[in-house]
Amino acid sequence: LAWDKRGQLIVANAGSPFVTPAFQGSASSYSLS
């Protein structure tokens, strides 16, 4: 995870082990209050 200049959290996600194919990755963003 890392913060961008706007104070949003950007997260690399390894993905679910319960689907086929497993571990399909994604990127997420969050705001903080």
ModelCIF file with pLDDT and N, C-alpha, C, O atoms, coordinates in Angstrom:
data_MODEL
#
_entry.id   MODEL 
#
_entity.id                         1 
_entity.type                       polymer 
_entity.pdbx_number_of_molecules   1 
#
_entity_poly.entity_id                      1 
_entity_poly.type                           'polypeptide(L)' 
_entity_poly.nstd_linkage                   no 
_entity_poly.nstd_monomer                   no 
_entity_poly.pdbx_seq_one_letter_code       LAWDKRGQLIVANAGSPFVTPAFQGSASSYSLS 
_entity_poly.pdbx_seq_one_letter_code_can   LAWDKRGQLIVANAGSPFVTPAFQGSASSYSLS 
_entity_poly.pdbx_strand_id                 A 
#
loop_
_entity_poly_seq.entity_id 
_entity_poly_seq.num 
_entity_poly_seq.mon_id 
_entity_poly_seq.hetero 
1 1  LEU n 
1 2  ALA n 
1 3  TRP n 
1 4  ASP n 
1 5  LYS n 
1 6  ARG n 
1 7  GLY n 
1 8  GLN n 
1 9  LEU n 
1 10 ILE n 
1 11 VAL n 
1 12 ALA n 
1 13 ASN n 
1 14 ALA n 
1 15 GLY n 
1 16 SER n 
1 17 PRO n 
1 18 PHE n 
1 19 VAL n 
1 20 THR n 
1 21 PRO n 
1 22 ALA n 
1 23 PHE n 
1 24 GLN n 
1 25 GLY n 
1 26 SER n 
1 27 ALA n 
1 28 SER n 
1 29 SER n 
1 30 TYR n 
1 31 SER n 
1 32 LEU n 
1 33 SER n 
#
_struct_asym.id          A 
_struct_asym.entity_id   1 
#
loop_
_ma_qa_metric.id 
_ma_qa_metric.mode 
_ma_qa_metric.name 
_ma_qa_metric.software_group_id 
_ma_qa_metric.type 
1 global pLDDT . pLDDT 
2 local  pLDDT . pLDDT 
#
_ma_qa_metric_global.metric_id      1 
_ma_qa_metric_global.metric_value   93.76 
_ma_qa_metric_global.model_id       1 
_ma_qa_metric_global.ordinal_id     1 
#
loop_
_ma_qa_metric_local.label_asym_id 
_ma_qa_metric_local.label_comp_id 
_ma_qa_metric_local.label_seq_id 
_ma_qa_metric_local.metric_id 
_ma_qa_metric_local.metric_value 
_ma_qa_metric_local.model_id 
_ma_qa_metric_local.ordinal_id 
A LEU 1  2 95.00 1 1  
A ALA 2  2 96.00 1 2  
A TRP 3  2 95.00 1 3  
A ASP 4  2 95.00 1 4  
A LYS 5  2 93.00 1 5  
A ARG 6  2 93.00 1 6  
A GLY 7  2 94.00 1 7  
A GLN 8  2 96.00 1 8  
A LEU 9  2 97.00 1 9  
A ILE 10 2 97.00 1 10 
A VAL 11 2 97.00 1 11 
A ALA 12 2 96.00 1 12 
A ASN 13 2 96.00 1 13 
A ALA 14 2 93.00 1 14 
A GLY 15 2 92.00 1 15 
A SER 16 2 90.00 1 16 
A PRO 17 2 89.00 1 17 
A PHE 18 2 90.00 1 18 
A VAL 19 2 87.00 1 19 
A THR 20 2 85.00 1 20 
A PRO 21 2 85.00 1 21 
A ALA 22 2 89.00 1 22 
A PHE 23 2 93.00 1 23 
A GLN 24 2 95.00 1 24 
A GLY 25 2 96.00 1 25 
A SER 26 2 96.00 1 26 
A ALA 27 2 98.00 1 27 
A SER 28 2 97.00 1 28 
A SER 29 2 97.00 1 29 
A TYR 30 2 96.00 1 30 
A SER 31 2 96.00 1 31 
A LEU 32 2 95.00 1 32 
A SER 33 2 95.00 1 33 
#
loop_
_atom_site.group_PDB 
_atom_site.id 
_atom_site.type_symbol 
_atom_site.label_atom_id 
_atom_site.label_alt_id 
_atom_site.label_comp_id 
_atom_site.label_asym_id 
_atom_site.label_entity_id 
_atom_site.label_seq_id 
_atom_site.pdbx_PDB_ins_code 
_atom_site.Cartn_x 
_atom_site.Cartn_y 
_atom_site.Cartn_z 
_atom_site.occupancy 
_atom_site.B_iso_or_equiv 
_atom_site.pdbx_formal_charge 
_atom_site.auth_seq_id 
_atom_site.auth_comp_id 
_atom_site.auth_asym_id 
_atom_site.auth_atom_id 
_atom_site.pdbx_PDB_model_num 
ATOM 1   N N  . LEU A 1 1  ? 0.824   -1.201  0.000   1.00 95.00 ? 1  LEU A N  1 
ATOM 2   C CA . LEU A 1 1  ? 0.000   0.000   0.000   1.00 95.00 ? 1  LEU A CA 1 
ATOM 3   C C  . LEU A 1 1  ? 0.857   1.249   0.000   1.00 95.00 ? 1  LEU A C  1 
ATOM 4   O O  . LEU A 1 1  ? 2.005   1.243   0.445   1.00 95.00 ? 1  LEU A O  1 
ATOM 5   N N  . ALA A 1 2  ? 0.262   2.335   -0.518  1.00 96.00 ? 2  ALA A N  1 
ATOM 6   C CA . ALA A 1 2  ? 0.956   3.626   -0.582  1.00 96.00 ? 2  ALA A CA 1 
ATOM 7   C C  . ALA A 1 2  ? -0.094  4.729   -0.652  1.00 96.00 ? 2  ALA A C  1 
ATOM 8   O O  . ALA A 1 2  ? -1.209  4.519   -1.132  1.00 96.00 ? 2  ALA A O  1 
ATOM 9   N N  . TRP A 1 3  ? 0.286   5.915   -0.162  1.00 95.00 ? 3  TRP A N  1 
ATOM 10  C CA . TRP A 1 3  ? -0.605  7.084   -0.207  1.00 95.00 ? 3  TRP A CA 1 
ATOM 11  C C  . TRP A 1 3  ? -0.298  7.905   -1.445  1.00 95.00 ? 3  TRP A C  1 
ATOM 12  O O  . TRP A 1 3  ? 0.868   8.080   -1.801  1.00 95.00 ? 3  TRP A O  1 
ATOM 13  N N  . ASP A 1 4  ? -1.342  8.416   -2.109  1.00 95.00 ? 4  ASP A N  1 
ATOM 14  C CA . ASP A 1 4  ? -1.107  9.345   -3.206  1.00 95.00 ? 4  ASP A CA 1 
ATOM 15  C C  . ASP A 1 4  ? -1.092  10.780  -2.664  1.00 95.00 ? 4  ASP A C  1 
ATOM 16  O O  . ASP A 1 4  ? -1.265  10.992  -1.463  1.00 95.00 ? 4  ASP A O  1 
ATOM 17  N N  . LYS A 1 5  ? -0.888  11.751  -3.538  1.00 93.00 ? 5  LYS A N  1 
ATOM 18  C CA . LYS A 1 5  ? -0.764  13.153  -3.104  1.00 93.00 ? 5  LYS A CA 1 
ATOM 19  C C  . LYS A 1 5  ? -2.078  13.732  -2.577  1.00 93.00 ? 5  LYS A C  1 
ATOM 20  O O  . LYS A 1 5  ? -2.068  14.758  -1.896  1.00 93.00 ? 5  LYS A O  1 
ATOM 21  N N  . ARG A 1 6  ? -3.199  13.091  -2.882  1.00 93.00 ? 6  ARG A N  1 
ATOM 22  C CA . ARG A 1 6  ? -4.505  13.578  -2.431  1.00 93.00 ? 6  ARG A CA 1 
ATOM 23  C C  . ARG A 1 6  ? -4.928  12.945  -1.108  1.00 93.00 ? 6  ARG A C  1 
ATOM 24  O O  . ARG A 1 6  ? -6.036  13.184  -0.628  1.00 93.00 ? 6  ARG A O  1 
ATOM 25  N N  . GLY A 1 7  ? -4.048  12.137  -0.522  1.00 94.00 ? 7  GLY A N  1 
ATOM 26  C CA . GLY A 1 7  ? -4.381  11.479  0.741   1.00 94.00 ? 7  GLY A CA 1 
ATOM 27  C C  . GLY A 1 7  ? -5.246  10.250  0.573   1.00 94.00 ? 7  GLY A C  1 
ATOM 28  O O  . GLY A 1 7  ? -5.897  9.814   1.523   1.00 94.00 ? 7  GLY A O  1 
ATOM 29  N N  . GLN A 1 8  ? -5.263  9.681   -0.631  1.00 96.00 ? 8  GLN A N  1 
ATOM 30  C CA . GLN A 1 8  ? -5.999  8.448   -0.882  1.00 96.00 ? 8  GLN A CA 1 
ATOM 31  C C  . GLN A 1 8  ? -5.036  7.269   -0.761  1.00 96.00 ? 8  GLN A C  1 
ATOM 32  O O  . GLN A 1 8  ? -3.888  7.339   -1.200  1.00 96.00 ? 8  GLN A O  1 
ATOM 33  N N  . LEU A 1 9  ? -5.521  6.198   -0.164  1.00 97.00 ? 9  LEU A N  1 
ATOM 34  C CA . LEU A 1 9  ? -4.709  4.996   -0.009  1.00 97.00 ? 9  LEU A CA 1 
ATOM 35  C C  . LEU A 1 9  ? -4.904  4.115   -1.236  1.00 97.00 ? 9  LEU A C  1 
ATOM 36  O O  . LEU A 1 9  ? -6.034  3.819   -1.624  1.00 97.00 ? 9  LEU A O  1 
ATOM 37  N N  . ILE A 1 10 ? -3.795  3.696   -1.844  1.00 97.00 ? 10 ILE A N  1 
ATOM 38  C CA . ILE A 1 10 ? -3.825  2.806   -3.001  1.00 97.00 ? 10 ILE A CA 1 
ATOM 39  C C  . ILE A 1 10 ? -3.226  1.468   -2.555  1.00 97.00 ? 10 ILE A C  1 
ATOM 40  O O  . ILE A 1 10 ? -2.127  1.422   -2.004  1.00 97.00 ? 10 ILE A O  1 
ATOM 41  N N  . VAL A 1 11 ? -3.965  0.383   -2.801  1.00 97.00 ? 11 VAL A N  1 
ATOM 42  C CA . VAL A 1 11 ? -3.590  -0.934  -2.282  1.00 97.00 ? 11 VAL A CA 1 
ATOM 43  C C  . VAL A 1 11 ? -3.493  -1.948  -3.417  1.00 97.00 ? 11 VAL A C  1 
ATOM 44  O O  . VAL A 1 11 ? -4.372  -2.018  -4.276  1.00 97.00 ? 11 VAL A O  1 
ATOM 45  N N  . ALA A 1 12 ? -2.423  -2.730  -3.412  1.00 96.00 ? 12 ALA A N  1 
ATOM 46  C CA . ALA A 1 12 ? -2.274  -3.877  -4.310  1.00 96.00 ? 12 ALA A CA 1 
ATOM 47  C C  . ALA A 1 12 ? -2.855  -5.092  -3.592  1.00 96.00 ? 12 ALA A C  1 
ATOM 48  O O  . ALA A 1 12 ? -2.467  -5.394  -2.464  1.00 96.00 ? 12 ALA A O  1 
ATOM 49  N N  . ASN A 1 13 ? -3.781  -5.786  -4.244  1.00 96.00 ? 13 ASN A N  1 
ATOM 50  C CA . ASN A 1 13 ? -4.464  -6.941  -3.656  1.00 96.00 ? 13 ASN A CA 1 
ATOM 51  C C  . ASN A 1 13 ? -4.054  -8.216  -4.386  1.00 96.00 ? 13 ASN A C  1 
ATOM 52  O O  . ASN A 1 13 ? -4.095  -8.278  -5.615  1.00 96.00 ? 13 ASN A O  1 
ATOM 53  N N  . ALA A 1 14 ? -3.658  -9.234  -3.620  1.00 93.00 ? 14 ALA A N  1 
ATOM 54  C CA . ALA A 1 14 ? -3.170  -10.481 -4.218  1.00 93.00 ? 14 ALA A CA 1 
ATOM 55  C C  . ALA A 1 14 ? -4.290  -11.337 -4.800  1.00 93.00 ? 14 ALA A C  1 
ATOM 56  O O  . ALA A 1 14 ? -4.023  -12.177 -5.659  1.00 93.00 ? 14 ALA A O  1 
ATOM 57  N N  . GLY A 1 15 ? -5.538  -11.151 -4.362  1.00 92.00 ? 15 GLY A N  1 
ATOM 58  C CA . GLY A 1 15 ? -6.661  -11.875 -4.936  1.00 92.00 ? 15 GLY A CA 1 
ATOM 59  C C  . GLY A 1 15 ? -7.095  -13.073 -4.121  1.00 92.00 ? 15 GLY A C  1 
ATOM 60  O O  . GLY A 1 15 ? -6.402  -13.507 -3.201  1.00 92.00 ? 15 GLY A O  1 
ATOM 61  N N  . SER A 1 16 ? -8.252  -13.598 -4.475  1.00 90.00 ? 16 SER A N  1 
ATOM 62  C CA . SER A 1 16 ? -8.871  -14.688 -3.725  1.00 90.00 ? 16 SER A CA 1 
ATOM 63  C C  . SER A 1 16 ? -8.248  -16.041 -4.054  1.00 90.00 ? 16 SER A C  1 
ATOM 64  O O  . SER A 1 16 ? -8.000  -16.346 -5.221  1.00 90.00 ? 16 SER A O  1 
ATOM 65  N N  . PRO A 1 17 ? -7.993  -16.861 -3.018  1.00 89.00 ? 17 PRO A N  1 
ATOM 66  C CA . PRO A 1 17 ? -7.522  -18.222 -3.270  1.00 89.00 ? 17 PRO A CA 1 
ATOM 67  C C  . PRO A 1 17 ? -8.671  -19.177 -3.571  1.00 89.00 ? 17 PRO A C  1 
ATOM 68  O O  . PRO A 1 17 ? -8.433  -20.352 -3.852  1.00 89.00 ? 17 PRO A O  1 
ATOM 69  N N  . PHE A 1 18 ? -9.927  -18.690 -3.518  1.00 90.00 ? 18 PHE A N  1 
ATOM 70  C CA . PHE A 1 18 ? -11.102 -19.564 -3.604  1.00 90.00 ? 18 PHE A CA 1 
ATOM 71  C C  . PHE A 1 18 ? -11.768 -19.571 -4.972  1.00 90.00 ? 18 PHE A C  1 
ATOM 72  O O  . PHE A 1 18 ? -12.828 -20.177 -5.128  1.00 90.00 ? 18 PHE A O  1 
ATOM 73  N N  . VAL A 1 19 ? -11.181 -18.918 -5.964  1.00 87.00 ? 19 VAL A N  1 
ATOM 74  C CA . VAL A 1 19 ? -11.747 -18.899 -7.308  1.00 87.00 ? 19 VAL A CA 1 
ATOM 75  C C  . VAL A 1 19 ? -10.767 -19.550 -8.272  1.00 87.00 ? 19 VAL A C  1 
ATOM 76  O O  . VAL A 1 19 ? -9.613  -19.798 -7.922  1.00 87.00 ? 19 VAL A O  1 
ATOM 77  N N  . THR A 1 20 ? -11.229 -19.826 -9.484  1.00 85.00 ? 20 THR A N  1 
ATOM 78  C CA . THR A 1 20 ? -10.358 -20.397 -10.505 1.00 85.00 ? 20 THR A CA 1 
ATOM 79  C C  . THR A 1 20 ? -10.329 -19.463 -11.693 1.00 85.00 ? 20 THR A C  1 
ATOM 80  O O  . THR A 1 20 ? -11.392 -19.124 -12.214 1.00 85.00 ? 20 THR A O  1 
ATOM 81  N N  . PRO A 1 21 ? -9.162  -19.027 -12.150 1.00 85.00 ? 21 PRO A N  1 
ATOM 82  C CA . PRO A 1 21 ? -7.875  -19.256 -11.514 1.00 85.00 ? 21 PRO A CA 1 
ATOM 83  C C  . PRO A 1 21 ? -7.736  -18.436 -10.236 1.00 85.00 ? 21 PRO A C  1 
ATOM 84  O O  . PRO A 1 21 ? -8.340  -17.373 -10.091 1.00 85.00 ? 21 PRO A O  1 
ATOM 85  N N  . ALA A 1 22 ? -6.938  -18.946 -9.327  1.00 89.00 ? 22 ALA A N  1 
ATOM 86  C CA . ALA A 1 22 ? -6.776  -18.313 -8.018  1.00 89.00 ? 22 ALA A CA 1 
ATOM 87  C C  . ALA A 1 22 ? -5.888  -17.073 -8.123  1.00 89.00 ? 22 ALA A C  1 
ATOM 88  O O  . ALA A 1 22 ? -5.080  -16.930 -9.041  1.00 89.00 ? 22 ALA A O  1 
ATOM 89  N N  . PHE A 1 23 ? -6.070  -16.193 -7.156  1.00 93.00 ? 23 PHE A N  1 
ATOM 90  C CA . PHE A 1 23 ? -5.208  -15.021 -6.947  1.00 93.00 ? 23 PHE A CA 1 
ATOM 91  C C  . PHE A 1 23 ? -5.227  -14.022 -8.113  1.00 93.00 ? 23 PHE A C  1 
ATOM 92  O O  . PHE A 1 23 ? -4.188  -13.504 -8.520  1.00 93.00 ? 23 PHE A O  1 
ATOM 93  N N  . GLN A 1 24 ? -6.435  -13.765 -8.641  1.00 95.00 ? 24 GLN A N  1 
ATOM 94  C CA . GLN A 1 24 ? -6.592  -12.699 -9.629  1.00 95.00 ? 24 GLN A CA 1 
ATOM 95  C C  . GLN A 1 24 ? -6.394  -11.371 -8.907  1.00 95.00 ? 24 GLN A C  1 
ATOM 96  O O  . GLN A 1 24 ? -7.212  -11.004 -8.064  1.00 95.00 ? 24 GLN A O  1 
ATOM 97  N N  . GLY A 1 25 ? -5.332  -10.652 -9.217  1.00 96.00 ? 25 GLY A N  1 
ATOM 98  C CA . GLY A 1 25 ? -4.975  -9.445  -8.497  1.00 96.00 ? 25 GLY A CA 1 
ATOM 99  C C  . GLY A 1 25 ? -5.812  -8.238  -8.883  1.00 96.00 ? 25 GLY A C  1 
ATOM 100 O O  . GLY A 1 25 ? -6.492  -8.231  -9.909  1.00 96.00 ? 25 GLY A O  1 
ATOM 101 N N  . SER A 1 26 ? -5.746  -7.215  -8.037  1.00 96.00 ? 26 SER A N  1 
ATOM 102 C CA . SER A 1 26 ? -6.460  -5.971  -8.313  1.00 96.00 ? 26 SER A CA 1 
ATOM 103 C C  . SER A 1 26 ? -5.791  -4.810  -7.594  1.00 96.00 ? 26 SER A C  1 
ATOM 104 O O  . SER A 1 26 ? -4.897  -4.989  -6.767  1.00 96.00 ? 26 SER A O  1 
ATOM 105 N N  . ALA A 1 27 ? -6.253  -3.613  -7.939  1.00 98.00 ? 27 ALA A N  1 
ATOM 106 C CA . ALA A 1 27 ? -5.829  -2.381  -7.283  1.00 98.00 ? 27 ALA A CA 1 
ATOM 107 C C  . ALA A 1 27 ? -7.060  -1.751  -6.652  1.00 98.00 ? 27 ALA A C  1 
ATOM 108 O O  . ALA A 1 27 ? -8.127  -1.714  -7.266  1.00 98.00 ? 27 ALA A O  1 
ATOM 109 N N  . SER A 1 28 ? -6.916  -1.255  -5.428  1.00 97.00 ? 28 SER A N  1 
ATOM 110 C CA . SER A 1 28 ? -8.019  -0.599  -4.723  1.00 97.00 ? 28 SER A CA 1 
ATOM 111 C C  . SER A 1 28 ? -7.613  0.787   -4.276  1.00 97.00 ? 28 SER A C  1 
ATOM 112 O O  . SER A 1 28 ? -6.432  1.073   -4.080  1.00 97.00 ? 28 SER A O  1 
ATOM 113 N N  . SER A 1 29 ? -8.608  1.645   -4.117  1.00 97.00 ? 29 SER A N  1 
ATOM 114 C CA . SER A 1 29 ? -8.370  2.968   -3.548  1.00 97.00 ? 29 SER A CA 1 
ATOM 115 C C  . SER A 1 29 ? -9.358  3.208   -2.415  1.00 97.00 ? 29 SER A C  1 
ATOM 116 O O  . SER A 1 29 ? -10.473 2.686   -2.412  1.00 97.00 ? 29 SER A O  1 
ATOM 117 N N  . TYR A 1 30 ? -8.908  4.023   -1.442  1.00 96.00 ? 30 TYR A N  1 
ATOM 118 C CA . TYR A 1 30 ? -9.702  4.334   -0.252  1.00 96.00 ? 30 TYR A CA 1 
ATOM 119 C C  . TYR A 1 30 ? -9.497  5.801   0.099   1.00 96.00 ? 30 TYR A C  1 
ATOM 120 O O  . TYR A 1 30 ? -8.425  6.362   -0.126  1.00 96.00 ? 30 TYR A O  1 
ATOM 121 N N  . SER A 1 31 ? -10.533 6.410   0.651   1.00 96.00 ? 31 SER A N  1 
ATOM 122 C CA . SER A 1 31 ? -10.368 7.727   1.265   1.00 96.00 ? 31 SER A CA 1 
ATOM 123 C C  . SER A 1 31 ? -10.237 7.531   2.768   1.00 96.00 ? 31 SER A C  1 
ATOM 124 O O  . SER A 1 31 ? -10.628 6.491   3.298   1.00 96.00 ? 31 SER A O  1 
ATOM 125 N N  . LEU A 1 32 ? -9.689  8.529   3.458   1.00 95.00 ? 32 LEU A N  1 
ATOM 126 C CA . LEU A 1 32 ? -9.448  8.435   4.901   1.00 95.00 ? 32 LEU A CA 1 
ATOM 127 C C  . LEU A 1 32 ? -10.105 9.609   5.603   1.00 95.00 ? 32 LEU A C  1 
ATOM 128 O O  . LEU A 1 32 ? -9.951  10.759  5.194   1.00 95.00 ? 32 LEU A O  1 
ATOM 129 N N  . SER A 1 33 ? -10.843 9.302   6.669   1.00 95.00 ? 33 SER A N  1 
ATOM 130 C CA . SER A 1 33 ? -11.403 10.325  7.551   1.00 95.00 ? 33 SER A CA 1 
ATOM 131 C C  . SER A 1 33 ? -11.128 9.874   8.980   1.00 95.00 ? 33 SER A C  1 
ATOM 132 O O  . SER A 1 33 ? -11.500 10.566  9.928   1.00 95.00 ? 33 SER A O  1 
#
